[in-house]
Every structure is written in structure tokens, then in C-alpha cells.
Amino acid sequence: MKYAVLDTNFILSCARKKIDFFNEIKFMGLKTLIPLQVIEELKILSGKGNSKLKEEIKLSLNILKNNSFEKIDLHTKNVDNGLVDISEKRDYVIATLDKEIKSRIKNPKLIIRGKKLEII
């Protein structure tokens, strides 16, 4: 089974739009894989920003807490570079909204279109 590797902004956007990304990803026949660095980034961001952003981060962390997924260590502090590196080594679908990352990755990408997820 293939994996979808999620980045921070993807998780936050799904939480903001109330998209059940765990079930959508499972429905696509993929397993969810979240880098340890993304989880750490969410925890760090939870103490920063305005109250709306803090609420989205809190919701995102709760969603992660209440669902099962596999974790991966990108072996870098820079999540963007880590996602690009891992996409070059493995046949993973990369879930990102970041235009720069999408342009650097040749693998299929998982994006949000409206309230649905789509592989492009």
C-alpha cells in the first residue's frame, strides 16, 4: 500500500476546512505518514500567532491525537527539504499546498480542492 506524507500546512488547512483527511486518504487506498518534524512544528506553533491560528493548531493536534497513523523521521530540521528528499527516495504521495514544494517534487501530490482531496 502506498503512503501519503503530510506537511504542516496541509494538516492545518484540512482542520480549517473541516476535511476528514484521515478517512479521505484511507478511501484513496493510501496510508497516512506524518513526519516527526511536522508534529513538532505544530507543537511549537501552538504557542505563537493569533487566537484563530492557535485554535486551528489545537484542533489539528487533537485530530492527530485521535487518529492512528505512522510516523517518519525526515532526518532534517527543514521540513520542506525533507519532503523533497524523501519523495526522491520513495514512491510516496506528498500532501502539500506549498507551491515551491509542489514544483520541486516529481511524485504525485495530494491537494485540497474545495472540500475534497485530490491527487494530481
PDB file of N, CA and C in Angstrom:
ATOM      1  N   MET A   1       0.846  -1.186   0.000  1.00  0.00           N
ATOM      2  CA  MET A   1       0.000   0.000   0.000  1.00  0.00           C
ATOM      3  C   MET A   1       0.885   1.242   0.000  1.00  0.00           C
ATOM      4  N   LYS A   2       0.490   2.235  -0.760  1.00  0.00           N
ATOM      5  CA  LYS A   2       1.225   3.495  -0.835  1.00  0.00           C
ATOM      6  C   LYS A   2       0.945   4.369   0.376  1.00  0.00           C
ATOM      7  N   TYR A   3       1.842   5.316   0.584  1.00  0.00           N
ATOM      8  CA  TYR A   3       1.711   6.259   1.693  1.00  0.00           C
ATOM      9  C   TYR A   3       1.510   7.676   1.186  1.00  0.00           C
ATOM     10  N   ALA A   4       0.764   8.448   1.968  1.00  0.00           N
ATOM     11  CA  ALA A   4       0.646   9.892   1.767  1.00  0.00           C
ATOM     12  C   ALA A   4       1.386  10.551   2.922  1.00  0.00           C
ATOM     13  N   VAL A   5       2.397  11.363   2.603  1.00  0.00           N
ATOM     14  CA  VAL A   5       3.180  12.073   3.608  1.00  0.00           C
ATOM     15  C   VAL A   5       2.628  13.493   3.703  1.00  0.00           C
ATOM     16  N   LEU A   6       2.196  13.878   4.904  1.00  0.00           N
ATOM     17  CA  LEU A   6       1.518  15.162   5.101  1.00  0.00           C
ATOM     18  C   LEU A   6       2.461  16.228   5.633  1.00  0.00           C
ATOM     19  N   ASP A   7       2.306  17.458   5.118  1.00  0.00           N
ATOM     20  CA  ASP A   7       3.068  18.567   5.679  1.00  0.00           C
ATOM     21  C   ASP A   7       2.172  19.394   6.605  1.00  0.00           C
ATOM     22  N   THR A   8       2.776  20.305   7.309  1.00  0.00           N
ATOM     23  CA  THR A   8       2.091  21.076   8.350  1.00  0.00           C
ATOM     24  C   THR A   8       0.918  21.876   7.802  1.00  0.00           C
ATOM     25  N   ASN A   9       1.157  22.614   6.741  1.00  0.00           N
ATOM     26  CA  ASN A   9       0.112  23.479   6.193  1.00  0.00           C
ATOM     27  C   ASN A   9      -1.074  22.675   5.664  1.00  0.00           C
ATOM     28  N   PHE A  10      -0.802  21.500   5.138  1.00  0.00           N
ATOM     29  CA  PHE A  10      -1.872  20.630   4.654  1.00  0.00           C
ATOM     30  C   PHE A  10      -2.787  20.231   5.808  1.00  0.00           C
ATOM     31  N   ILE A  11      -2.192  19.825   6.919  1.00  0.00           N
ATOM     32  CA  ILE A  11      -2.974  19.426   8.099  1.00  0.00           C
ATOM     33  C   ILE A  11      -3.788  20.600   8.619  1.00  0.00           C
ATOM     34  N   LEU A  12      -3.152  21.771   8.739  1.00  0.00           N
ATOM     35  CA  LEU A  12      -3.856  22.963   9.234  1.00  0.00           C
ATOM     36  C   LEU A  12      -5.016  23.347   8.316  1.00  0.00           C
ATOM     37  N   SER A  13      -4.791  23.294   7.010  1.00  0.00           N
ATOM     38  CA  SER A  13      -5.849  23.657   6.060  1.00  0.00           C
ATOM     39  C   SER A  13      -7.019  22.682   6.115  1.00  0.00           C
ATOM     40  N   CYS A  14      -6.726  21.401   6.256  1.00  0.00           N
ATOM     41  CA  CYS A  14      -7.800  20.407   6.388  1.00  0.00           C
ATOM     42  C   CYS A  14      -8.609  20.661   7.654  1.00  0.00           C
ATOM     43  N   ALA A  15      -7.925  20.970   8.753  1.00  0.00           N
ATOM     44  CA  ALA A  15      -8.627  21.262  10.011  1.00  0.00           C
ATOM     45  C   ALA A  15      -9.497  22.504   9.845  1.00  0.00           C
ATOM     46  N   ARG A  16      -8.944  23.531   9.209  1.00  0.00           N
ATOM     47  CA  ARG A  16      -9.670  24.788   8.995  1.00  0.00           C
ATOM     48  C   ARG A  16     -10.932  24.557   8.161  1.00  0.00           C
ATOM     49  N   LYS A  17     -10.823  23.708   7.135  1.00  0.00           N
ATOM     50  CA  LYS A  17     -11.948  23.459   6.229  1.00  0.00           C
ATOM     51  C   LYS A  17     -12.817  22.287   6.674  1.00  0.00           C
ATOM     52  N   LYS A  18     -12.488  21.717   7.854  1.00  0.00           N
ATOM     53  CA  LYS A  18     -13.242  20.593   8.411  1.00  0.00           C
ATOM     54  C   LYS A  18     -13.283  19.394   7.457  1.00  0.00           C
ATOM     55  N   ILE A  19     -12.133  19.104   6.863  1.00  0.00           N
ATOM     56  CA  ILE A  19     -11.993  17.953   5.975  1.00  0.00           C
ATOM     57  C   ILE A  19     -11.459  16.779   6.793  1.00  0.00           C
ATOM     58  N   ASP A  20     -12.150  15.660   6.730  1.00  0.00           N
ATOM     59  CA  ASP A  20     -11.711  14.456   7.440  1.00  0.00           C
ATOM     60  C   ASP A  20     -10.635  13.775   6.590  1.00  0.00           C
ATOM     61  N   PHE A  21      -9.432  14.328   6.651  1.00  0.00           N
ATOM     62  CA  PHE A  21      -8.372  13.865   5.756  1.00  0.00           C
ATOM     63  C   PHE A  21      -7.934  12.435   6.036  1.00  0.00           C
ATOM     64  N   PHE A  22      -8.036  11.972   7.275  1.00  0.00           N
ATOM     65  CA  PHE A  22      -7.654  10.584   7.552  1.00  0.00           C
ATOM     66  C   PHE A  22      -8.544   9.615   6.773  1.00  0.00           C
ATOM     67  N   ASN A  23      -9.856   9.823   6.812  1.00  0.00           N
ATOM     68  CA  ASN A  23     -10.774   8.936   6.083  1.00  0.00           C
ATOM     69  C   ASN A  23     -10.651   9.109   4.578  1.00  0.00           C
ATOM     70  N   GLU A  24     -10.467  10.341   4.117  1.00  0.00           N
ATOM     71  CA  GLU A  24     -10.316  10.572   2.672  1.00  0.00           C
ATOM     72  C   GLU A  24      -9.075   9.871   2.136  1.00  0.00           C
ATOM     73  N   ILE A  25      -7.976   9.975   2.884  1.00  0.00           N
ATOM     74  CA  ILE A  25      -6.727   9.333   2.461  1.00  0.00           C
ATOM     75  C   ILE A  25      -6.895   7.811   2.454  1.00  0.00           C
ATOM     76  N   LYS A  26      -7.544   7.287   3.482  1.00  0.00           N
ATOM     77  CA  LYS A  26      -7.801   5.841   3.558  1.00  0.00           C
ATOM     78  C   LYS A  26      -8.681   5.390   2.388  1.00  0.00           C
ATOM     79  N   PHE A  27      -9.705   6.187   2.057  1.00  0.00           N
ATOM     80  CA  PHE A  27     -10.608   5.879   0.949  1.00  0.00           C
ATOM     81  C   PHE A  27      -9.847   5.824  -0.378  1.00  0.00           C
ATOM     82  N   MET A  28      -8.776   6.605  -0.497  1.00  0.00           N
ATOM     83  CA  MET A  28      -7.951   6.620  -1.711  1.00  0.00           C
ATOM     84  C   MET A  28      -7.010   5.416  -1.777  1.00  0.00           C
ATOM     85  N   GLY A  29      -7.037   4.588  -0.729  1.00  0.00           N
ATOM     86  CA  GLY A  29      -6.176   3.416  -0.705  1.00  0.00           C
ATOM     87  C   GLY A  29      -4.762   3.714  -0.231  1.00  0.00           C
ATOM     88  N   LEU A  30      -4.608   4.810   0.495  1.00  0.00           N
ATOM     89  CA  LEU A  30      -3.297   5.222   0.997  1.00  0.00           C
ATOM     90  C   LEU A  30      -3.246   5.115   2.511  1.00  0.00           C
ATOM     91  N   LYS A  31      -2.042   4.973   3.031  1.00  0.00           N
ATOM     92  CA  LYS A  31      -1.814   5.055   4.470  1.00  0.00           C
ATOM     93  C   LYS A  31      -1.257   6.441   4.777  1.00  0.00           C
ATOM     94  N   THR A  32      -1.577   6.946   5.961  1.00  0.00           N
ATOM     95  CA  THR A  32      -1.114   8.269   6.369  1.00  0.00           C
ATOM     96  C   THR A  32       0.230   8.160   7.071  1.00  0.00           C
ATOM     97  N   LEU A  33       1.166   8.998   6.637  1.00  0.00           N
ATOM     98  CA  LEU A  33       2.508   9.047   7.195  1.00  0.00           C
ATOM     99  C   LEU A  33       2.820  10.507   7.525  1.00  0.00           C
ATOM    100  N   ILE A  34       3.092  10.783   8.797  1.00  0.00           N
ATOM    101  CA  ILE A  34       3.345  12.164   9.209  1.00  0.00           C
ATOM    102  C   ILE A  34       4.755  12.264   9.783  1.00  0.00           C
ATOM    103  N   PRO A  35       5.554  13.169   9.226  1.00  0.00           N
ATOM    104  CA  PRO A  35       6.913  13.352   9.746  1.00  0.00           C
ATOM    105  C   PRO A  35       6.905  13.845  11.194  1.00  0.00           C
ATOM    106  N   LEU A  36       7.849  13.336  11.981  1.00  0.00           N
ATOM    107  CA  LEU A  36       8.000  13.793  13.364  1.00  0.00           C
ATOM    108  C   LEU A  36       8.211  15.308  13.405  1.00  0.00           C
ATOM    109  N   GLN A  37       8.902  15.833  12.402  1.00  0.00           N
ATOM    110  CA  GLN A  37       9.185  17.264  12.347  1.00  0.00           C
ATOM    111  C   GLN A  37       7.906  18.086  12.162  1.00  0.00           C
ATOM    112  N   VAL A  38       6.921  17.544  11.467  1.00  0.00           N
ATOM    113  CA  VAL A  38       5.636  18.230  11.290  1.00  0.00           C
ATOM    114  C   VAL A  38       4.898  18.288  12.622  1.00  0.00           C
ATOM    115  N   ILE A  39       4.893  17.188  13.346  1.00  0.00           N
ATOM    116  CA  ILE A  39       4.235  17.162  14.659  1.00  0.00           C
ATOM    117  C   ILE A  39       4.910  18.163  15.592  1.00  0.00           C
ATOM    118  N   GLU A  40       6.229  18.185  15.578  1.00  0.00           N
ATOM    119  CA  GLU A  40       6.980  19.125  16.419  1.00  0.00           C
ATOM    120  C   GLU A  40       6.687  20.571  16.011  1.00  0.00           C
ATOM    121  N   GLU A  41       6.611  20.819  14.707  1.00  0.00           N
ATOM    122  CA  GLU A  41       6.310  22.166  14.210  1.00  0.00           C
ATOM    123  C   GLU A  41       4.931  22.628  14.692  1.00  0.00           C
ATOM    124  N   LEU A  42       3.956  21.738  14.669  1.00  0.00           N
ATOM    125  CA  LEU A  42       2.622  22.079  15.169  1.00  0.00           C
ATOM    126  C   LEU A  42       2.665  22.418  16.651  1.00  0.00           C
ATOM    127  N   LYS A  43       3.422  21.649  17.418  1.00  0.00           N
ATOM    128  CA  LYS A  43       3.530  21.921  18.857  1.00  0.00           C
ATOM    129  C   LYS A  43       4.193  23.267  19.116  1.00  0.00           C
ATOM    130  N   ILE A  44       5.233  23.590  18.357  1.00  0.00           N
ATOM    131  CA  ILE A  44       5.917  24.877  18.516  1.00  0.00           C
ATOM    132  C   ILE A  44       4.988  26.018  18.124  1.00  0.00           C
ATOM    133  N   LEU A  45       4.273  25.859  17.014  1.00  0.00           N
ATOM    134  CA  LEU A  45       3.366  26.909  16.535  1.00  0.00           C
ATOM    135  C   LEU A  45       2.181  27.129  17.467  1.00  0.00           C
ATOM    136  N   SER A  46       1.850  26.122  18.276  1.00  0.00           N
ATOM    137  CA  SER A  46       0.684  26.246  19.159  1.00  0.00           C
ATOM    138  C   SER A  46       0.844  27.372  20.177  1.00  0.00           C
ATOM    139  N   GLY A  47       2.061  27.800  20.422  1.00  0.00           N
ATOM    140  CA  GLY A  47       2.299  28.896  21.359  1.00  0.00           C
ATOM    141  C   GLY A  47       2.480  30.235  20.674  1.00  0.00           C
ATOM    142  N   LYS A  48       2.296  30.269  19.355  1.00  0.00           N
ATOM    143  CA  LYS A  48       2.521  31.504  18.595  1.00  0.00           C
ATOM    144  C   LYS A  48       1.281  31.871  17.793  1.00  0.00           C
ATOM    145  N   GLY A  49       1.275  33.088  17.271  1.00  0.00           N
ATOM    146  CA  GLY A  49       0.214  33.513  16.370  1.00  0.00           C
ATOM    147  C   GLY A  49      -1.016  34.022  17.090  1.00  0.00           C
ATOM    148  N   ASN A  50      -2.012  34.379  16.291  1.00  0.00           N
ATOM    149  CA  ASN A  50      -3.258  34.912  16.849  1.00  0.00           C
ATOM    150  C   ASN A  50      -4.134  33.778  17.382  1.00  0.00           C
ATOM    151  N   SER A  51      -5.219  34.149  18.028  1.00  0.00           N
ATOM    152  CA  SER A  51      -6.073  33.146  18.680  1.00  0.00           C
ATOM    153  C   SER A  51      -6.720  32.193  17.669  1.00  0.00           C
ATOM    154  N   LYS A  52      -7.048  32.685  16.468  1.00  0.00           N
ATOM    155  CA  LYS A  52      -7.652  31.821  15.450  1.00  0.00           C
ATOM    156  C   LYS A  52      -6.656  30.745  15.003  1.00  0.00           C
ATOM    157  N   LEU A  53      -5.409  31.148  14.771  1.00  0.00           N
ATOM    158  CA  LEU A  53      -4.380  30.188  14.373  1.00  0.00           C
ATOM    159  C   LEU A  53      -4.121  29.185  15.494  1.00  0.00           C
ATOM    160  N   LYS A  54      -4.056  29.665  16.720  1.00  0.00           N
ATOM    161  CA  LYS A  54      -3.843  28.765  17.861  1.00  0.00           C
ATOM    162  C   LYS A  54      -4.960  27.737  17.955  1.00  0.00           C
ATOM    163  N   GLU A  55      -6.190  28.172  17.691  1.00  0.00           N
ATOM    164  CA  GLU A  55      -7.340  27.257  17.734  1.00  0.00           C
ATOM    165  C   GLU A  55      -7.228  26.198  16.633  1.00  0.00           C
ATOM    166  N   GLU A  56      -6.808  26.606  15.425  1.00  0.00           N
ATOM    167  CA  GLU A  56      -6.628  25.660  14.319  1.00  0.00           C
ATOM    168  C   GLU A  56      -5.531  24.646  14.645  1.00  0.00           C
ATOM    169  N   ILE A  57      -4.468  25.125  15.265  1.00  0.00           N
ATOM    170  CA  ILE A  57      -3.365  24.231  15.630  1.00  0.00           C
ATOM    171  C   ILE A  57      -3.816  23.254  16.705  1.00  0.00           C
ATOM    172  N   LYS A  58      -4.547  23.755  17.684  1.00  0.00           N
ATOM    173  CA  LYS A  58      -5.068  22.891  18.754  1.00  0.00           C
ATOM    174  C   LYS A  58      -5.978  21.815  18.160  1.00  0.00           C
ATOM    175  N   LEU A  59      -6.855  22.210  17.246  1.00  0.00           N
ATOM    176  CA  LEU A  59      -7.739  21.258  16.572  1.00  0.00           C
ATOM    177  C   LEU A  59      -6.915  20.231  15.790  1.00  0.00           C
ATOM    178  N   SER A  60      -5.898  20.697  15.074  1.00  0.00           N
ATOM    179  CA  SER A  60      -5.040  19.796  14.300  1.00  0.00           C
ATOM    180  C   SER A  60      -4.357  18.772  15.196  1.00  0.00           C
ATOM    181  N   LEU A  61      -3.818  19.231  16.312  1.00  0.00           N
ATOM    182  CA  LEU A  61      -3.154  18.314  17.244  1.00  0.00           C
ATOM    183  C   LEU A  61      -4.136  17.306  17.836  1.00  0.00           C
ATOM    184  N   ASN A  62      -5.368  17.745  18.107  1.00  0.00           N
ATOM    185  CA  ASN A  62      -6.398  16.823  18.609  1.00  0.00           C
ATOM    186  C   ASN A  62      -6.773  15.786  17.558  1.00  0.00           C
ATOM    187  N   ILE A  63      -6.864  16.220  16.307  1.00  0.00           N
ATOM    188  CA  ILE A  63      -7.170  15.288  15.217  1.00  0.00           C
ATOM    189  C   ILE A  63      -6.079  14.223  15.135  1.00  0.00           C
ATOM    190  N   LEU A  64      -4.821  14.654  15.223  1.00  0.00           N
ATOM    191  CA  LEU A  64      -3.711  13.696  15.176  1.00  0.00           C
ATOM    192  C   LEU A  64      -3.758  12.750  16.365  1.00  0.00           C
ATOM    193  N   LYS A  65      -4.079  13.299  17.528  1.00  0.00           N
ATOM    194  CA  LYS A  65      -4.130  12.501  18.756  1.00  0.00           C
ATOM    195  C   LYS A  65      -5.205  11.416  18.676  1.00  0.00           C
ATOM    196  N   ASN A  66      -6.311  11.716  17.994  1.00  0.00           N
ATOM    197  CA  ASN A  66      -7.457  10.812  17.963  1.00  0.00           C
ATOM    198  C   ASN A  66      -7.494   9.885  16.744  1.00  0.00           C
ATOM    199  N   ASN A  67      -6.436   9.870  15.958  1.00  0.00           N
ATOM    200  CA  ASN A  67      -6.379   9.003  14.780  1.00  0.00           C
ATOM    201  C   ASN A  67      -5.059   8.247  14.771  1.00  0.00           C
ATOM    202  N   SER A  68      -5.064   7.110  14.099  1.00  0.00           N
ATOM    203  CA  SER A  68      -3.817   6.343  14.020  1.00  0.00           C
ATOM    204  C   SER A  68      -3.133   6.631  12.686  1.00  0.00           C
ATOM    205  N   PHE A  69      -1.826   6.735  12.761  1.00  0.00           N
ATOM    206  CA  PHE A  69      -1.019   6.999  11.578  1.00  0.00           C
ATOM    207  C   PHE A  69       0.406   6.569  11.881  1.00  0.00           C
ATOM    208  N   GLU A  70       1.178   6.424  10.833  1.00  0.00           N
ATOM    209  CA  GLU A  70       2.586   6.088  11.011  1.00  0.00           C
ATOM    210  C   GLU A  70       3.408   7.369  11.001  1.00  0.00           C
ATOM    211  N   LYS A  71       4.544   7.322  11.692  1.00  0.00           N
ATOM    212  CA  LYS A  71       5.433   8.479  11.771  1.00  0.00           C
ATOM    213  C   LYS A  71       6.732   8.153  11.043  1.00  0.00           C
ATOM    214  N   ILE A  72       7.372   9.209  10.558  1.00  0.00           N
ATOM    215  CA  ILE A  72       8.655   9.056   9.879  1.00  0.00           C
ATOM    216  C   ILE A  72       9.565  10.203  10.301  1.00  0.00           C
ATOM    217  N   ASP A  73      10.841   9.913  10.414  1.00  0.00           N
ATOM    218  CA  ASP A  73      11.826  10.947  10.721  1.00  0.00           C
ATOM    219  C   ASP A  73      12.473  11.376   9.407  1.00  0.00           C
ATOM    220  N   LEU A  74      12.381  12.652   9.085  1.00  0.00           N
ATOM    221  CA  LEU A  74      12.960  13.168   7.843  1.00  0.00           C
ATOM    222  C   LEU A  74      14.466  13.402   7.961  1.00  0.00           C
ATOM    223  N   HIS A  75      14.997  13.299   9.158  1.00  0.00           N
ATOM    224  CA  HIS A  75      16.430  13.493   9.419  1.00  0.00           C
ATOM    225  C   HIS A  75      16.921  14.870   8.988  1.00  0.00           C
ATOM    226  N   THR A  76      16.066  15.870   9.139  1.00  0.00           N
ATOM    227  CA  THR A  76      16.425  17.255   8.865  1.00  0.00           C
ATOM    228  C   THR A  76      15.470  18.154   9.624  1.00  0.00           C
ATOM    229  N   LYS A  77      15.916  19.359   9.941  1.00  0.00           N
ATOM    230  CA  LYS A  77      15.028  20.306  10.620  1.00  0.00           C
ATOM    231  C   LYS A  77      14.133  21.028   9.619  1.00  0.00           C
ATOM    232  N   ASN A  78      14.571  21.102   8.366  1.00  0.00           N
ATOM    233  CA  ASN A  78      13.801  21.786   7.336  1.00  0.00           C
ATOM    234  C   ASN A  78      12.814  20.796   6.714  1.00  0.00           C
ATOM    235  N   VAL A  79      11.552  20.939   7.083  1.00  0.00           N
ATOM    236  CA  VAL A  79      10.517  20.002   6.630  1.00  0.00           C
ATOM    237  C   VAL A  79      10.392  20.019   5.109  1.00  0.00           C
ATOM    238  N   ASP A  80      10.430  21.197   4.507  1.00  0.00           N
ATOM    239  CA  ASP A  80      10.280  21.299   3.050  1.00  0.00           C
ATOM    240  C   ASP A  80      11.348  20.471   2.330  1.00  0.00           C
ATOM    241  N   ASN A  81      12.608  20.673   2.709  1.00  0.00           N
ATOM    242  CA  ASN A  81      13.691  19.910   2.085  1.00  0.00           C
ATOM    243  C   ASN A  81      13.562  18.423   2.387  1.00  0.00           C
ATOM    244  N   GLY A  82      13.122  18.095   3.586  1.00  0.00           N
ATOM    245  CA  GLY A  82      12.925  16.699   3.958  1.00  0.00           C
ATOM    246  C   GLY A  82      11.868  16.022   3.105  1.00  0.00           C
ATOM    247  N   LEU A  83      10.777  16.735   2.824  1.00  0.00           N
ATOM    248  CA  LEU A  83       9.724  16.176   1.972  1.00  0.00           C
ATOM    249  C   LEU A  83      10.235  15.942   0.555  1.00  0.00           C
ATOM    250  N   VAL A  84      11.002  16.897   0.046  1.00  0.00           N
ATOM    251  CA  VAL A  84      11.568  16.746  -1.296  1.00  0.00           C
ATOM    252  C   VAL A  84      12.535  15.562  -1.320  1.00  0.00           C
ATOM    253  N   ASP A  85      13.402  15.481  -0.318  1.00  0.00           N
ATOM    254  CA  ASP A  85      14.377  14.380  -0.255  1.00  0.00           C
ATOM    255  C   ASP A  85      13.691  13.018  -0.203  1.00  0.00           C
ATOM    256  N   ILE A  86      12.687  12.898   0.656  1.00  0.00           N
ATOM    257  CA  ILE A  86      12.021  11.597   0.801  1.00  0.00           C
ATOM    258  C   ILE A  86      11.235  11.237  -0.457  1.00  0.00           C
ATOM    259  N   SER A  87      10.727  12.251  -1.156  1.00  0.00           N
ATOM    260  CA  SER A  87       9.987  11.969  -2.390  1.00  0.00           C
ATOM    261  C   SER A  87      10.918  11.445  -3.483  1.00  0.00           C
ATOM    262  N   GLU A  88      12.196  11.826  -3.408  1.00  0.00           N
ATOM    263  CA  GLU A  88      13.165  11.345  -4.393  1.00  0.00           C
ATOM    264  C   GLU A  88      13.596   9.905  -4.105  1.00  0.00           C
ATOM    265  N   LYS A  89      13.462   9.483  -2.842  1.00  0.00           N
ATOM    266  CA  LYS A  89      13.916   8.149  -2.442  1.00  0.00           C
ATOM    267  C   LYS A  89      12.798   7.109  -2.424  1.00  0.00           C
ATOM    268  N   ARG A  90      11.572   7.557  -2.194  1.00  0.00           N
ATOM    269  CA  ARG A  90      10.439   6.638  -2.053  1.00  0.00           C
ATOM    270  C   ARG A  90       9.293   7.066  -2.960  1.00  0.00           C
ATOM    271  N   ASP A  91       8.440   6.134  -3.249  1.00  0.00           N
ATOM    272  CA  ASP A  91       7.280   6.412  -4.102  1.00  0.00           C
ATOM    273  C   ASP A  91       6.092   6.841  -3.244  1.00  0.00           C
ATOM    274  N   TYR A  92       6.251   7.949  -2.538  1.00  0.00           N
ATOM    275  CA  TYR A  92       5.200   8.465  -1.664  1.00  0.00           C
ATOM    276  C   TYR A  92       4.410   9.560  -2.370  1.00  0.00           C
ATOM    277  N   VAL A  93       3.142   9.666  -2.012  1.00  0.00           N
ATOM    278  CA  VAL A  93       2.322  10.803  -2.423  1.00  0.00           C
ATOM    279  C   VAL A  93       2.579  11.889  -1.377  1.00  0.00           C
ATOM    280  N   ILE A  94       2.898  13.091  -1.818  1.00  0.00           N
ATOM    281  CA  ILE A  94       3.213  14.175  -0.893  1.00  0.00           C
ATOM    282  C   ILE A  94       2.007  15.101  -0.788  1.00  0.00           C
ATOM    283  N   ALA A  95       1.488  15.244   0.433  1.00  0.00           N
ATOM    284  CA  ALA A  95       0.318  16.094   0.690  1.00  0.00           C
ATOM    285  C   ALA A  95       0.812  17.468   1.121  1.00  0.00           C
ATOM    286  N   THR A  96       0.737  18.422   0.201  1.00  0.00           N
ATOM    287  CA  THR A  96       1.222  19.772   0.483  1.00  0.00           C
ATOM    288  C   THR A  96       0.432  20.795  -0.310  1.00  0.00           C
ATOM    289  N   LEU A  97       0.403  22.002   0.203  1.00  0.00           N
ATOM    290  CA  LEU A  97      -0.211  23.123  -0.501  1.00  0.00           C
ATOM    291  C   LEU A  97       0.853  24.120  -0.939  1.00  0.00           C
ATOM    292  N   ASP A  98       2.080  23.877  -0.541  1.00  0.00           N
ATOM    293  CA  ASP A  98       3.200  24.775  -0.795  1.00  0.00           C
ATOM    294  C   ASP A  98       3.615  24.700  -2.269  1.00  0.00           C
ATOM    295  N   LYS A  99       3.500  25.828  -2.984  1.00  0.00           N
ATOM    296  CA  LYS A  99       3.803  25.853  -4.419  1.00  0.00           C
ATOM    297  C   LYS A  99       5.253  25.485  -4.708  1.00  0.00           C
ATOM    298  N   GLU A 100       6.170  25.960  -3.864  1.00  0.00           N
ATOM    299  CA  GLU A 100       7.586  25.658  -4.088  1.00  0.00           C
ATOM    300  C   GLU A 100       7.859  24.163  -3.947  1.00  0.00           C
ATOM    301  N   ILE A 101       7.293  23.558  -2.905  1.00  0.00           N
ATOM    302  CA  ILE A 101       7.487  22.111  -2.719  1.00  0.00           C
ATOM    303  C   ILE A 101       6.874  21.358  -3.896  1.00  0.00           C
ATOM    304  N   LYS A 102       5.658  21.732  -4.287  1.00  0.00           N
ATOM    305  CA  LYS A 102       4.991  21.042  -5.397  1.00  0.00           C
ATOM    306  C   LYS A 102       5.817  21.118  -6.677  1.00  0.00           C
ATOM    307  N   SER A 103       6.476  22.264  -6.904  1.00  0.00           N
ATOM    308  CA  SER A 103       7.272  22.411  -8.126  1.00  0.00           C
ATOM    309  C   SER A 103       8.561  21.585  -8.072  1.00  0.00           C
ATOM    310  N   ARG A 104       9.052  21.285  -6.880  1.00  0.00           N
ATOM    311  CA  ARG A 104      10.296  20.530  -6.719  1.00  0.00           C
ATOM    312  C   ARG A 104      10.070  19.020  -6.697  1.00  0.00           C
ATOM    313  N   ILE A 105       8.837  18.588  -6.506  1.00  0.00           N
ATOM    314  CA  ILE A 105       8.527  17.163  -6.355  1.00  0.00           C
ATOM    315  C   ILE A 105       7.969  16.600  -7.657  1.00  0.00           C
ATOM    316  N   LYS A 106       8.509  15.455  -8.048  1.00  0.00           N
ATOM    317  CA  LYS A 106       8.019  14.783  -9.255  1.00  0.00           C
ATOM    318  C   LYS A 106       6.914  13.779  -8.933  1.00  0.00           C
ATOM    319  N   ASN A 107       6.869  13.326  -7.687  1.00  0.00           N
ATOM    320  CA  ASN A 107       5.860  12.348  -7.253  1.00  0.00           C
ATOM    321  C   ASN A 107       4.458  12.944  -7.345  1.00  0.00           C
ATOM    322  N   PRO A 108       3.437  12.070  -7.303  1.00  0.00           N
ATOM    323  CA  PRO A 108       2.069  12.581  -7.214  1.00  0.00           C
ATOM    324  C   PRO A 108       1.900  13.428  -5.950  1.00  0.00           C
ATOM    325  N   LYS A 109       1.039  14.424  -6.055  1.00  0.00           N
ATOM    326  CA  LYS A 109       0.789  15.322  -4.932  1.00  0.00           C
ATOM    327  C   LYS A 109      -0.671  15.225  -4.518  1.00  0.00           C
ATOM    328  N   LEU A 110      -0.906  15.308  -3.225  1.00  0.00           N
ATOM    329  CA  LEU A 110      -2.258  15.311  -2.682  1.00  0.00           C
ATOM    330  C   LEU A 110      -2.581  16.749  -2.320  1.00  0.00           C
ATOM    331  N   ILE A 111      -3.638  17.283  -2.916  1.00  0.00           N
ATOM    332  CA  ILE A 111      -4.002  18.677  -2.688  1.00  0.00           C
ATOM    333  C   ILE A 111      -5.451  18.767  -2.208  1.00  0.00           C
ATOM    334  N   ILE A 112      -5.817  19.955  -1.765  1.00  0.00           N
ATOM    335  CA  ILE A 112      -7.199  20.228  -1.373  1.00  0.00           C
ATOM    336  C   ILE A 112      -7.847  21.005  -2.510  1.00  0.00           C
ATOM    337  N   ARG A 113      -8.972  20.495  -2.987  1.00  0.00           N
ATOM    338  CA  ARG A 113      -9.748  21.211  -3.998  1.00  0.00           C
ATOM    339  C   ARG A 113     -11.163  21.333  -3.446  1.00  0.00           C
ATOM    340  N   GLY A 114     -11.512  22.555  -3.035  1.00  0.00           N
ATOM    341  CA  GLY A 114     -12.795  22.769  -2.370  1.00  0.00           C
ATOM    342  C   GLY A 114     -12.759  22.121  -1.002  1.00  0.00           C
ATOM    343  N   LYS A 115     -13.640  21.152  -0.793  1.00  0.00           N
ATOM    344  CA  LYS A 115     -13.662  20.413   0.482  1.00  0.00           C
ATOM    345  C   LYS A 115     -13.262  18.955   0.279  1.00  0.00           C
ATOM    346  N   LYS A 116     -12.626  18.682  -0.854  1.00  0.00           N
ATOM    347  CA  LYS A 116     -12.196  17.321  -1.190  1.00  0.00           C
ATOM    348  C   LYS A 116     -10.687  17.281  -1.397  1.00  0.00           C
ATOM    349  N   LEU A 117     -10.134  16.091  -1.242  1.00  0.00           N
ATOM    350  CA  LEU A 117      -8.722  15.877  -1.522  1.00  0.00           C
ATOM    351  C   LEU A 117      -8.598  15.277  -2.915  1.00  0.00           C
ATOM    352  N   GLU A 118      -7.532  15.643  -3.600  1.00  0.00           N
ATOM    353  CA  GLU A 118      -7.335  15.173  -4.966  1.00  0.00           C
ATOM    354  C   GLU A 118      -5.853  14.909  -5.202  1.00  0.00           C
ATOM    355  N   ILE A 119      -5.561  13.813  -5.877  1.00  0.00           N
ATOM    356  CA  ILE A 119      -4.181  13.508  -6.258  1.00  0.00           C
ATOM    357  C   ILE A 119      -3.947  14.055  -7.657  1.00  0.00           C
ATOM    358  N   ILE A 120      -2.865  14.835  -7.775  1.00  0.00           N
ATOM    359  CA  ILE A 120      -2.519  15.380  -9.098  1.00  0.00           C
ATOM    360  C   ILE A 120      -1.132  14.905  -9.494  1.00  0.00           C
TER     361      ILE A 120
END
